[in-house]
Amino acid sequence: MANVNNSDILPGSVPKLEENASNWLIFSLRFPAAVAAKGKWPHFDGSLARPAHPQPLTAEQVQELGAWDSDEASANFMLQQ
């Protein structure tokens, strides 16, 4: 698992989504706003796809993919809080 960064922690105003979704309304308002403020919303709305590169990869492309994968892991962590 990727290292947890303090910038990956959501504010206390974003509730954890209950299993029965009883708090869906407040979660659906606060979660996107908090994640967007951290610059990770494109990982949720699909507007930032993983970069596709032909093989073999250059060092720059490897770094770009690593950064995208790290941001994706951060976004997934936020959803699990």
PDB file of N, CA and C in Angstrom:
ATOM      1  N   MET A   1       0.841  -1.172   0.000  1.00  0.00           N
ATOM      2  CA  MET A   1       0.000   0.000   0.000  1.00  0.00           C
ATOM      3  C   MET A   1       0.889   1.239   0.000  1.00  0.00           C
ATOM      4  N   ALA A   2       0.440   2.275  -0.659  1.00  0.00           N
ATOM      5  CA  ALA A   2       1.188   3.528  -0.714  1.00  0.00           C
ATOM      6  C   ALA A   2       1.222   4.169   0.662  1.00  0.00           C
ATOM      7  N   ASN A   3       2.244   4.970   0.889  1.00  0.00           N
ATOM      8  CA  ASN A   3       2.333   5.695   2.150  1.00  0.00           C
ATOM      9  C   ASN A   3       1.168   6.673   2.266  1.00  0.00           C
ATOM     10  N   VAL A   4       0.601   6.758   3.459  1.00  0.00           N
ATOM     11  CA  VAL A   4      -0.493   7.695   3.696  1.00  0.00           C
ATOM     12  C   VAL A   4       0.109   9.069   3.941  1.00  0.00           C
ATOM     13  N   ASN A   5      -0.367  10.022   3.194  1.00  0.00           N
ATOM     14  CA  ASN A   5       0.106  11.392   3.269  1.00  0.00           C
ATOM     15  C   ASN A   5      -0.969  12.202   3.990  1.00  0.00           C
ATOM     16  N   ASN A   6      -0.568  13.153   4.811  1.00  0.00           N
ATOM     17  CA  ASN A   6      -1.561  13.984   5.498  1.00  0.00           C
ATOM     18  C   ASN A   6      -2.514  14.658   4.525  1.00  0.00           C
ATOM     19  N   SER A   7      -2.058  14.942   3.317  1.00  0.00           N
ATOM     20  CA  SER A   7      -2.942  15.571   2.342  1.00  0.00           C
ATOM     21  C   SER A   7      -4.009  14.602   1.834  1.00  0.00           C
ATOM     22  N   ASP A   8      -3.860  13.304   2.158  1.00  0.00           N
ATOM     23  CA  ASP A   8      -4.851  12.304   1.757  1.00  0.00           C
ATOM     24  C   ASP A   8      -5.973  12.157   2.780  1.00  0.00           C
ATOM     25  N   ILE A   9      -5.824  12.783   3.934  1.00  0.00           N
ATOM     26  CA  ILE A   9      -6.822  12.656   4.995  1.00  0.00           C
ATOM     27  C   ILE A   9      -7.941  13.663   4.738  1.00  0.00           C
ATOM     28  N   LEU A  10      -9.164  13.169   4.731  1.00  0.00           N
ATOM     29  CA  LEU A  10     -10.320  14.041   4.522  1.00  0.00           C
ATOM     30  C   LEU A  10     -10.673  14.762   5.815  1.00  0.00           C
ATOM     31  N   PRO A  11     -11.233  15.954   5.705  1.00  0.00           N
ATOM     32  CA  PRO A  11     -11.634  16.676   6.921  1.00  0.00           C
ATOM     33  C   PRO A  11     -12.764  15.942   7.640  1.00  0.00           C
ATOM     34  N   GLY A  12     -12.881  16.217   8.914  1.00  0.00           N
ATOM     35  CA  GLY A  12     -13.919  15.579   9.715  1.00  0.00           C
ATOM     36  C   GLY A  12     -15.334  15.886   9.259  1.00  0.00           C
ATOM     37  N   SER A  13     -15.493  16.908   8.445  1.00  0.00           N
ATOM     38  CA  SER A  13     -16.829  17.265   7.956  1.00  0.00           C
ATOM     39  C   SER A  13     -17.340  16.292   6.892  1.00  0.00           C
ATOM     40  N   VAL A  14     -16.447  15.419   6.392  1.00  0.00           N
ATOM     41  CA  VAL A  14     -16.859  14.412   5.401  1.00  0.00           C
ATOM     42  C   VAL A  14     -17.109  13.111   6.155  1.00  0.00           C
ATOM     43  N   PRO A  15     -18.373  12.707   6.250  1.00  0.00           N
ATOM     44  CA  PRO A  15     -18.654  11.483   6.998  1.00  0.00           C
ATOM     45  C   PRO A  15     -18.298  10.242   6.189  1.00  0.00           C
ATOM     46  N   LYS A  16     -18.000   9.162   6.906  1.00  0.00           N
ATOM     47  CA  LYS A  16     -17.831   7.878   6.240  1.00  0.00           C
ATOM     48  C   LYS A  16     -19.216   7.434   5.779  1.00  0.00           C
ATOM     49  N   LEU A  17     -19.300   6.956   4.563  1.00  0.00           N
ATOM     50  CA  LEU A  17     -20.592   6.516   4.038  1.00  0.00           C
ATOM     51  C   LEU A  17     -21.044   5.258   4.774  1.00  0.00           C
ATOM     52  N   GLU A  18     -22.242   5.321   5.334  1.00  0.00           N
ATOM     53  CA  GLU A  18     -22.803   4.180   6.054  1.00  0.00           C
ATOM     54  C   GLU A  18     -23.138   3.055   5.080  1.00  0.00           C
ATOM     55  N   GLU A  19     -23.040   1.811   5.548  1.00  0.00           N
ATOM     56  CA  GLU A  19     -23.337   0.645   4.700  1.00  0.00           C
ATOM     57  C   GLU A  19     -24.732   0.716   4.095  1.00  0.00           C
ATOM     58  N   ASN A  20     -25.682   1.228   4.855  1.00  0.00           N
ATOM     59  CA  ASN A  20     -27.059   1.304   4.356  1.00  0.00           C
ATOM     60  C   ASN A  20     -27.327   2.621   3.612  1.00  0.00           C
ATOM     61  N   ALA A  21     -26.272   3.414   3.429  1.00  0.00           N
ATOM     62  CA  ALA A  21     -26.341   4.688   2.699  1.00  0.00           C
ATOM     63  C   ALA A  21     -27.299   5.689   3.335  1.00  0.00           C
ATOM     64  N   SER A  22     -27.550   5.547   4.618  1.00  0.00           N
ATOM     65  CA  SER A  22     -28.478   6.460   5.286  1.00  0.00           C
ATOM     66  C   SER A  22     -27.964   7.903   5.314  1.00  0.00           C
ATOM     67  N   ASN A  23     -26.661   8.087   5.136  1.00  0.00           N
ATOM     68  CA  ASN A  23     -26.095   9.437   5.111  1.00  0.00           C
ATOM     69  C   ASN A  23     -25.613   9.836   3.706  1.00  0.00           C
ATOM     70  N   TRP A  24     -26.194   9.210   2.692  1.00  0.00           N
ATOM     71  CA  TRP A  24     -25.768   9.456   1.315  1.00  0.00           C
ATOM     72  C   TRP A  24     -25.853  10.934   0.923  1.00  0.00           C
ATOM     73  N   LEU A  25     -26.902  11.603   1.291  1.00  0.00           N
ATOM     74  CA  LEU A  25     -27.091  12.990   0.873  1.00  0.00           C
ATOM     75  C   LEU A  25     -25.929  13.869   1.329  1.00  0.00           C
ATOM     76  N   ILE A  26     -25.599  13.828   2.603  1.00  0.00           N
ATOM     77  CA  ILE A  26     -24.513  14.673   3.093  1.00  0.00           C
ATOM     78  C   ILE A  26     -23.167  14.206   2.550  1.00  0.00           C
ATOM     79  N   PHE A  27     -22.971  12.884   2.445  1.00  0.00           N
ATOM     80  CA  PHE A  27     -21.727  12.351   1.882  1.00  0.00           C
ATOM     81  C   PHE A  27     -21.557  12.808   0.436  1.00  0.00           C
ATOM     82  N   SER A  28     -22.635  12.730  -0.343  1.00  0.00           N
ATOM     83  CA  SER A  28     -22.562  13.071  -1.771  1.00  0.00           C
ATOM     84  C   SER A  28     -22.308  14.561  -2.004  1.00  0.00           C
ATOM     85  N   LEU A  29     -22.574  15.384  -1.013  1.00  0.00           N
ATOM     86  CA  LEU A  29     -22.284  16.811  -1.119  1.00  0.00           C
ATOM     87  C   LEU A  29     -20.862  17.128  -0.662  1.00  0.00           C
ATOM     88  N   ARG A  30     -20.440  16.510   0.407  1.00  0.00           N
ATOM     89  CA  ARG A  30     -19.157  16.871   1.012  1.00  0.00           C
ATOM     90  C   ARG A  30     -17.960  16.133   0.416  1.00  0.00           C
ATOM     91  N   PHE A  31     -18.129  14.863   0.069  1.00  0.00           N
ATOM     92  CA  PHE A  31     -16.998  14.083  -0.447  1.00  0.00           C
ATOM     93  C   PHE A  31     -16.434  14.668  -1.737  1.00  0.00           C
ATOM     94  N   PRO A  32     -17.258  14.915  -2.763  1.00  0.00           N
ATOM     95  CA  PRO A  32     -16.686  15.480  -4.000  1.00  0.00           C
ATOM     96  C   PRO A  32     -15.984  16.817  -3.779  1.00  0.00           C
ATOM     97  N   ALA A  33     -16.540  17.654  -2.926  1.00  0.00           N
ATOM     98  CA  ALA A  33     -15.920  18.958  -2.678  1.00  0.00           C
ATOM     99  C   ALA A  33     -14.557  18.796  -2.003  1.00  0.00           C
ATOM    100  N   ALA A  34     -14.477  17.914  -1.032  1.00  0.00           N
ATOM    101  CA  ALA A  34     -13.207  17.704  -0.327  1.00  0.00           C
ATOM    102  C   ALA A  34     -12.164  17.079  -1.243  1.00  0.00           C
ATOM    103  N   VAL A  35     -12.564  16.117  -2.034  1.00  0.00           N
ATOM    104  CA  VAL A  35     -11.625  15.462  -2.942  1.00  0.00           C
ATOM    105  C   VAL A  35     -11.184  16.427  -4.043  1.00  0.00           C
ATOM    106  N   ALA A  36     -12.092  17.236  -4.546  1.00  0.00           N
ATOM    107  CA  ALA A  36     -11.732  18.231  -5.562  1.00  0.00           C
ATOM    108  C   ALA A  36     -10.738  19.243  -5.001  1.00  0.00           C
ATOM    109  N   ALA A  37     -10.916  19.625  -3.752  1.00  0.00           N
ATOM    110  CA  ALA A  37      -9.994  20.571  -3.122  1.00  0.00           C
ATOM    111  C   ALA A  37      -8.587  19.996  -3.015  1.00  0.00           C
ATOM    112  N   LYS A  38      -8.482  18.691  -2.987  1.00  0.00           N
ATOM    113  CA  LYS A  38      -7.183  18.026  -2.918  1.00  0.00           C
ATOM    114  C   LYS A  38      -6.651  17.667  -4.309  1.00  0.00           C
ATOM    115  N   GLY A  39      -7.408  18.039  -5.361  1.00  0.00           N
ATOM    116  CA  GLY A  39      -6.959  17.820  -6.729  1.00  0.00           C
ATOM    117  C   GLY A  39      -7.089  16.396  -7.231  1.00  0.00           C
ATOM    118  N   LYS A  40      -7.912  15.587  -6.574  1.00  0.00           N
ATOM    119  CA  LYS A  40      -8.031  14.174  -6.959  1.00  0.00           C
ATOM    120  C   LYS A  40      -9.363  13.827  -7.618  1.00  0.00           C
ATOM    121  N   TRP A  41     -10.270  14.790  -7.768  1.00  0.00           N
ATOM    122  CA  TRP A  41     -11.591  14.472  -8.312  1.00  0.00           C
ATOM    123  C   TRP A  41     -11.528  13.849  -9.712  1.00  0.00           C
ATOM    124  N   PRO A  42     -10.604  14.252 -10.589  1.00  0.00           N
ATOM    125  CA  PRO A  42     -10.559  13.616 -11.919  1.00  0.00           C
ATOM    126  C   PRO A  42     -10.353  12.095 -11.863  1.00  0.00           C
ATOM    127  N   HIS A  43      -9.824  11.577 -10.767  1.00  0.00           N
ATOM    128  CA  HIS A  43      -9.679  10.125 -10.624  1.00  0.00           C
ATOM    129  C   HIS A  43     -11.026   9.462 -10.341  1.00  0.00           C
ATOM    130  N   PHE A  44     -12.007  10.239  -9.902  1.00  0.00           N
ATOM    131  CA  PHE A  44     -13.333   9.700  -9.622  1.00  0.00           C
ATOM    132  C   PHE A  44     -14.297   9.893 -10.786  1.00  0.00           C
ATOM    133  N   ASP A  45     -14.201  11.025 -11.471  1.00  0.00           N
ATOM    134  CA  ASP A  45     -15.168  11.280 -12.540  1.00  0.00           C
ATOM    135  C   ASP A  45     -14.717  10.739 -13.893  1.00  0.00           C
ATOM    136  N   GLY A  46     -13.539  10.143 -13.937  1.00  0.00           N
ATOM    137  CA  GLY A  46     -13.063   9.510 -15.162  1.00  0.00           C
ATOM    138  C   GLY A  46     -12.427  10.455 -16.160  1.00  0.00           C
ATOM    139  N   SER A  47     -12.246  11.701 -15.797  1.00  0.00           N
ATOM    140  CA  SER A  47     -11.687  12.657 -16.759  1.00  0.00           C
ATOM    141  C   SER A  47     -10.162  12.597 -16.834  1.00  0.00           C
ATOM    142  N   LEU A  48      -9.531  11.821 -15.968  1.00  0.00           N
ATOM    143  CA  LEU A  48      -8.077  11.690 -15.990  1.00  0.00           C
ATOM    144  C   LEU A  48      -7.718  10.209 -16.075  1.00  0.00           C
ATOM    145  N   ALA A  49      -7.699   9.705 -17.292  1.00  0.00           N
ATOM    146  CA  ALA A  49      -7.370   8.296 -17.506  1.00  0.00           C
ATOM    147  C   ALA A  49      -5.875   8.082 -17.326  1.00  0.00           C
ATOM    148  N   ARG A  50      -5.516   6.851 -17.011  1.00  0.00           N
ATOM    149  CA  ARG A  50      -4.095   6.510 -16.875  1.00  0.00           C
ATOM    150  C   ARG A  50      -3.423   6.719 -18.228  1.00  0.00           C
ATOM    151  N   PRO A  51      -2.303   7.414 -18.241  1.00  0.00           N
ATOM    152  CA  PRO A  51      -1.614   7.667 -19.507  1.00  0.00           C
ATOM    153  C   PRO A  51      -1.229   6.358 -20.198  1.00  0.00           C
ATOM    154  N   ALA A  52      -1.399   6.336 -21.493  1.00  0.00           N
ATOM    155  CA  ALA A  52      -1.020   5.170 -22.295  1.00  0.00           C
ATOM    156  C   ALA A  52       0.205   5.547 -23.118  1.00  0.00           C
ATOM    157  N   HIS A  53       1.214   4.719 -23.037  1.00  0.00           N
ATOM    158  CA  HIS A  53       2.449   4.987 -23.764  1.00  0.00           C
ATOM    159  C   HIS A  53       2.864   3.732 -24.522  1.00  0.00           C
ATOM    160  N   PRO A  54       3.461   3.924 -25.704  1.00  0.00           N
ATOM    161  CA  PRO A  54       4.002   2.768 -26.414  1.00  0.00           C
ATOM    162  C   PRO A  54       5.217   2.222 -25.661  1.00  0.00           C
ATOM    163  N   GLN A  55       5.495   0.977 -25.877  1.00  0.00           N
ATOM    164  CA  GLN A  55       6.656   0.343 -25.241  1.00  0.00           C
ATOM    165  C   GLN A  55       7.864   0.501 -26.142  1.00  0.00           C
ATOM    166  N   PRO A  56       9.052   0.586 -25.683  1.00  0.00           N
ATOM    167  CA  PRO A  56       9.455   0.685 -24.293  1.00  0.00           C
ATOM    168  C   PRO A  56       9.240   2.096 -23.765  1.00  0.00           C
ATOM    169  N   LEU A  57       9.108   2.203 -22.469  1.00  0.00           N
ATOM    170  CA  LEU A  57       8.862   3.495 -21.832  1.00  0.00           C
ATOM    171  C   LEU A  57      10.161   4.265 -21.621  1.00  0.00           C
ATOM    172  N   THR A  58      10.061   5.573 -21.767  1.00  0.00           N
ATOM    173  CA  THR A  58      11.188   6.435 -21.424  1.00  0.00           C
ATOM    174  C   THR A  58      11.172   6.655 -19.910  1.00  0.00           C
ATOM    175  N   ALA A  59      12.247   7.177 -19.371  1.00  0.00           N
ATOM    176  CA  ALA A  59      12.311   7.465 -17.932  1.00  0.00           C
ATOM    177  C   ALA A  59      11.232   8.471 -17.545  1.00  0.00           C
ATOM    178  N   GLU A  60      10.972   9.439 -18.402  1.00  0.00           N
ATOM    179  CA  GLU A  60       9.938  10.451 -18.133  1.00  0.00           C
ATOM    180  C   GLU A  60       8.554   9.812 -18.093  1.00  0.00           C
ATOM    181  N   GLN A  61       8.297   8.872 -19.006  1.00  0.00           N
ATOM    182  CA  GLN A  61       6.998   8.193 -19.038  1.00  0.00           C
ATOM    183  C   GLN A  61       6.814   7.309 -17.807  1.00  0.00           C
ATOM    184  N   VAL A  62       7.888   6.662 -17.379  1.00  0.00           N
ATOM    185  CA  VAL A  62       7.823   5.838 -16.165  1.00  0.00           C
ATOM    186  C   VAL A  62       7.482   6.715 -14.968  1.00  0.00           C
ATOM    187  N   GLN A  63       8.104   7.890 -14.893  1.00  0.00           N
ATOM    188  CA  GLN A  63       7.825   8.827 -13.801  1.00  0.00           C
ATOM    189  C   GLN A  63       6.378   9.318 -13.869  1.00  0.00           C
ATOM    190  N   GLU A  64       5.881   9.613 -15.067  1.00  0.00           N
ATOM    191  CA  GLU A  64       4.495  10.070 -15.240  1.00  0.00           C
ATOM    192  C   GLU A  64       3.506   8.996 -14.793  1.00  0.00           C
ATOM    193  N   LEU A  65       3.762   7.750 -15.167  1.00  0.00           N
ATOM    194  CA  LEU A  65       2.874   6.657 -14.756  1.00  0.00           C
ATOM    195  C   LEU A  65       2.938   6.448 -13.249  1.00  0.00           C
ATOM    196  N   GLY A  66       4.115   6.565 -12.677  1.00  0.00           N
ATOM    197  CA  GLY A  66       4.256   6.422 -11.230  1.00  0.00           C
ATOM    198  C   GLY A  66       3.479   7.493 -10.482  1.00  0.00           C
ATOM    199  N   ALA A  67       3.533   8.722 -10.980  1.00  0.00           N
ATOM    200  CA  ALA A  67       2.789   9.823 -10.344  1.00  0.00           C
ATOM    201  C   ALA A  67       1.290   9.588 -10.450  1.00  0.00           C
ATOM    202  N   TRP A  68       0.829   9.129 -11.616  1.00  0.00           N
ATOM    203  CA  TRP A  68      -0.601   8.866 -11.797  1.00  0.00           C
ATOM    204  C   TRP A  68      -1.043   7.740 -10.859  1.00  0.00           C
ATOM    205  N   ASP A  69      -0.250   6.669 -10.791  1.00  0.00           N
ATOM    206  CA  ASP A  69      -0.594   5.546  -9.916  1.00  0.00           C
ATOM    207  C   ASP A  69      -0.642   5.978  -8.450  1.00  0.00           C
ATOM    208  N   SER A  70       0.278   6.834  -8.051  1.00  0.00           N
ATOM    209  CA  SER A  70       0.290   7.340  -6.677  1.00  0.00           C
ATOM    210  C   SER A  70      -0.959   8.171  -6.387  1.00  0.00           C
ATOM    211  N   ASP A  71      -1.327   9.031  -7.328  1.00  0.00           N
ATOM    212  CA  ASP A  71      -2.544   9.837  -7.149  1.00  0.00           C
ATOM    213  C   ASP A  71      -3.791   8.957  -7.122  1.00  0.00           C
ATOM    214  N   GLU A  72      -3.803   7.913  -7.922  1.00  0.00           N
ATOM    215  CA  GLU A  72      -4.942   6.984  -7.937  1.00  0.00           C
ATOM    216  C   GLU A  72      -5.058   6.286  -6.585  1.00  0.00           C
ATOM    217  N   ALA A  73      -3.928   5.861  -6.042  1.00  0.00           N
ATOM    218  CA  ALA A  73      -3.933   5.208  -4.720  1.00  0.00           C
ATOM    219  C   ALA A  73      -4.434   6.173  -3.649  1.00  0.00           C
ATOM    220  N   SER A  74      -4.007   7.433  -3.732  1.00  0.00           N
ATOM    221  CA  SER A  74      -4.475   8.447  -2.780  1.00  0.00           C
ATOM    222  C   SER A  74      -5.978   8.630  -2.889  1.00  0.00           C
ATOM    223  N   ALA A  75      -6.489   8.696  -4.100  1.00  0.00           N
ATOM    224  CA  ALA A  75      -7.921   8.863  -4.317  1.00  0.00           C
ATOM    225  C   ALA A  75      -8.696   7.679  -3.742  1.00  0.00           C
ATOM    226  N   ASN A  76      -8.201   6.483  -3.976  1.00  0.00           N
ATOM    227  CA  ASN A  76      -8.864   5.297  -3.436  1.00  0.00           C
ATOM    228  C   ASN A  76      -8.838   5.292  -1.919  1.00  0.00           C
ATOM    229  N   PHE A  77      -7.729   5.735  -1.325  1.00  0.00           N
ATOM    230  CA  PHE A  77      -7.639   5.825   0.121  1.00  0.00           C
ATOM    231  C   PHE A  77      -8.686   6.779   0.681  1.00  0.00           C
ATOM    232  N   MET A  78      -8.862   7.910   0.006  1.00  0.00           N
ATOM    233  CA  MET A  78      -9.855   8.880   0.461  1.00  0.00           C
ATOM    234  C   MET A  78     -11.246   8.273   0.482  1.00  0.00           C
ATOM    235  N   LEU A  79     -11.546   7.463  -0.506  1.00  0.00           N
ATOM    236  CA  LEU A  79     -12.868   6.842  -0.579  1.00  0.00           C
ATOM    237  C   LEU A  79     -13.070   5.831   0.552  1.00  0.00           C
ATOM    238  N   GLN A  80     -12.010   5.230   1.025  1.00  0.00           N
ATOM    239  CA  GLN A  80     -12.107   4.209   2.062  1.00  0.00           C
ATOM    240  C   GLN A  80     -12.162   4.769   3.481  1.00  0.00           C
ATOM    241  N   GLN A  81     -12.004   6.060   3.634  1.00  0.00           N
ATOM    242  CA  GLN A  81     -12.008   6.659   4.979  1.00  0.00           C
ATOM    243  C   GLN A  81     -13.391   6.669   5.573  1.00  0.00           C
TER     244      GLN A  81
END
